[in-house]
Each structure stands twice: as structure tokens, then as C-alpha cells.
Protein backbone atom coordinates (compact mmCIF):
# COMPACT_ATOMS: atom_id res chain seq x y z
CA UNK A 1 -19.55 -86.86 -2.73
CA UNK A 2 -22.24 -89.39 -2.11
CA UNK A 3 -25.68 -88.91 -3.60
CA UNK A 4 -28.69 -88.34 -1.35
CA UNK A 5 -32.38 -88.81 -2.03
CA UNK A 6 -34.40 -85.81 -0.91
CA UNK A 7 -37.84 -85.69 0.68
CA UNK A 8 -39.31 -84.96 -2.76
CA UNK A 9 -38.92 -88.68 -3.54
CA UNK A 10 -42.19 -90.25 -4.73
CA UNK A 11 -41.01 -93.79 -3.85
CA UNK A 12 -41.29 -94.98 -7.45
CA UNK A 13 -38.26 -97.27 -7.11
CA UNK A 14 -36.75 -96.40 -10.50
CA UNK A 15 -33.35 -95.72 -8.93
CA UNK A 16 -32.88 -98.92 -6.95
CA UNK A 17 -32.12 -101.38 -9.79
CA UNK A 18 -29.80 -98.87 -11.48
CA UNK A 19 -27.25 -98.76 -8.63
CA UNK A 20 -24.16 -100.88 -9.38
CA UNK A 21 -23.29 -100.98 -5.67
CA UNK A 22 -26.73 -101.89 -4.32
CA UNK A 23 -26.49 -98.74 -2.19
CA UNK A 24 -30.15 -97.76 -2.63
CA UNK A 25 -32.83 -99.16 -0.34
CA UNK A 26 -36.58 -98.84 -0.02
CA UNK A 27 -37.83 -96.70 2.86
CA UNK A 28 -37.67 -98.61 6.13
CA UNK A 29 -35.43 -101.40 4.83
CA UNK A 30 -32.46 -102.64 6.83
CA UNK A 31 -29.18 -102.62 4.91
CA UNK A 32 -25.81 -104.39 4.95
CA UNK A 33 -22.51 -103.77 3.18
CA UNK A 34 -22.65 -107.35 1.79
CA UNK A 35 -25.97 -106.71 -0.01
CA UNK A 36 -25.12 -106.92 -3.71
CA UNK A 37 -21.36 -106.76 -3.19
CA UNK A 38 -18.57 -109.31 -2.84
CA UNK A 39 -17.54 -108.10 0.62
CA UNK A 40 -17.23 -110.66 3.40
CA UNK A 41 -15.92 -110.32 6.94
CA UNK A 42 -15.09 -107.01 8.58
CA UNK A 43 -15.55 -103.71 6.75
CA UNK A 44 -14.60 -100.21 7.83
CA UNK A 45 -17.42 -97.68 7.56
CA UNK A 46 -17.04 -93.92 7.33
CA UNK A 47 -15.44 -92.57 10.49
CA UNK A 48 -13.49 -95.75 11.17
CA UNK A 49 -16.40 -97.78 12.54
CA UNK A 50 -15.89 -101.53 11.98
CA UNK A 51 -18.82 -103.78 11.05
CA UNK A 52 -19.27 -107.27 9.74
CA UNK A 53 -20.31 -106.95 6.10
CA UNK A 54 -23.40 -109.11 6.67
CA UNK A 55 -24.62 -107.18 9.73
CA UNK A 56 -28.00 -105.56 9.12
CA UNK A 57 -28.16 -101.85 10.00
CA UNK A 58 -31.16 -99.67 10.77
CA UNK A 59 -32.79 -97.85 7.84
CA UNK A 60 -31.51 -94.36 7.12
CA UNK A 61 -35.05 -93.27 6.24
CA UNK A 62 -38.48 -94.68 6.93
CA UNK A 63 -40.19 -92.19 4.62
CA UNK A 64 -38.40 -92.37 1.25
CA UNK A 65 -35.83 -94.47 -0.59
CA UNK A 66 -32.32 -93.84 0.74
CA UNK A 67 -28.70 -94.25 -0.30
CA UNK A 68 -26.11 -95.75 2.06
CA UNK A 69 -23.16 -93.33 1.81
CA UNK A 70 -20.63 -96.06 2.63
CA UNK A 71 -21.73 -97.90 -0.53
CA UNK A 72 -22.24 -94.94 -2.90
CA UNK A 73 -19.53 -94.28 -5.47
CA UNK A 74 -21.60 -91.91 -7.63
CA UNK A 75 -21.27 -94.72 -10.20
CA UNK A 76 -17.59 -93.80 -10.60
CA UNK A 77 -15.83 -96.60 -12.43
CA UNK A 78 -19.14 -97.88 -13.82
CA UNK A 79 -20.88 -95.00 -15.62
CA UNK A 80 -20.29 -91.41 -16.69
CA UNK A 81 -22.91 -90.08 -14.26
CA UNK A 82 -24.86 -91.30 -11.22
CA UNK A 83 -27.53 -93.58 -12.64
CA UNK A 84 -30.03 -92.89 -9.85
CA UNK A 85 -30.06 -89.21 -10.83
CA UNK A 86 -30.30 -90.08 -14.53
CA UNK A 87 -33.49 -92.13 -14.10
CA UNK A 88 -35.22 -90.18 -11.31
CA UNK A 89 -38.48 -88.71 -12.64
CA UNK A 90 -38.60 -85.97 -9.97
CA UNK A 91 -34.88 -85.08 -9.79
CA UNK A 92 -34.55 -85.91 -6.10
CA UNK A 93 -31.18 -87.74 -6.33
CA UNK A 94 -28.65 -85.00 -5.66
CA UNK A 95 -25.01 -84.66 -4.58
CA UNK A 96 -24.71 -84.57 -0.78
CA UNK A 97 -22.99 -81.26 0.08
CA UNK A 98 -21.90 -82.75 3.43
CA UNK A 99 -19.91 -85.55 1.75
CA UNK A 100 -17.58 -84.10 -0.86
CA UNK A 101 -15.26 -86.87 -2.02
CA UNK A 102 -12.57 -87.03 -4.68
CA UNK A 103 -12.67 -89.41 -7.63
CA UNK A 104 -9.78 -91.27 -5.96
CA UNK A 105 -11.86 -91.88 -2.82
CA UNK A 106 -14.85 -93.03 -4.88
CA UNK A 107 -12.71 -95.43 -6.94
CA UNK A 108 -11.12 -96.79 -3.76
CA UNK A 109 -14.59 -97.44 -2.32
CA UNK A 110 -15.60 -99.19 -5.55
CA UNK A 111 -12.57 -101.49 -5.28
CA UNK A 112 -13.37 -102.33 -1.65
CA UNK A 113 -17.00 -103.18 -2.49
CA UNK A 114 -16.22 -105.27 -5.57
CA UNK A 115 -13.21 -107.44 -4.69
């Protein structure tokens, strides 16, 4: 499952540099699949939606830091645990109960993001 950042976030930014997929963005920031990855050209988002990797998308949150689910691998293939959760001083980086994903799915996503 992807990790989410809850409303308890204090916007300290400790999580952002820890993400190996550059999936974490500051509140209000536009995001793209290509940010911090090797992806170029078309990319399939969750639900089969196609986007150019460099296309900027609207922020998921304008209040707190957020994690782009299409880029989150829970650090699978990089670390033993999600690094955002490990460094969060207020424990607001939690598994998203609406996005339960197998290790296989997370590893596949990692491979697609880091060609």
C-alpha cells in the first residue's frame, strides 16, 4: 500500500529528502512522474490513465506535504521500512488503507520508475 501523510503533518519537510522515488512534495507543489526518476515519455498512472512523465499535475494537498501514490513504493527495494515514516517527528506518515498493494506490485513500480 502507498503511504499517506495525514493532516497532523507539521510541514517540517524531514520526509521529502528521504524518499528514493521523489514521491513526496511540499503542500501546494505541482508534481510529475519524471521528477527525480529516469522515466521519459508516456507513463501509465493508477487506473490506466496515460500521462507524459514530464507533465505537471495539480497538487494533491495545499495544506500539508503529500505523497504521490503512483510514485510510492513504501521504499520496497531500497530500505527495510518506509523512510518517511522512520524520520517523521509526529508519526503522520501512515499506510493508506485504500491502497493495499503486494510487494510484487511495489517492486514492479520501482522498476518502472528507475529504468
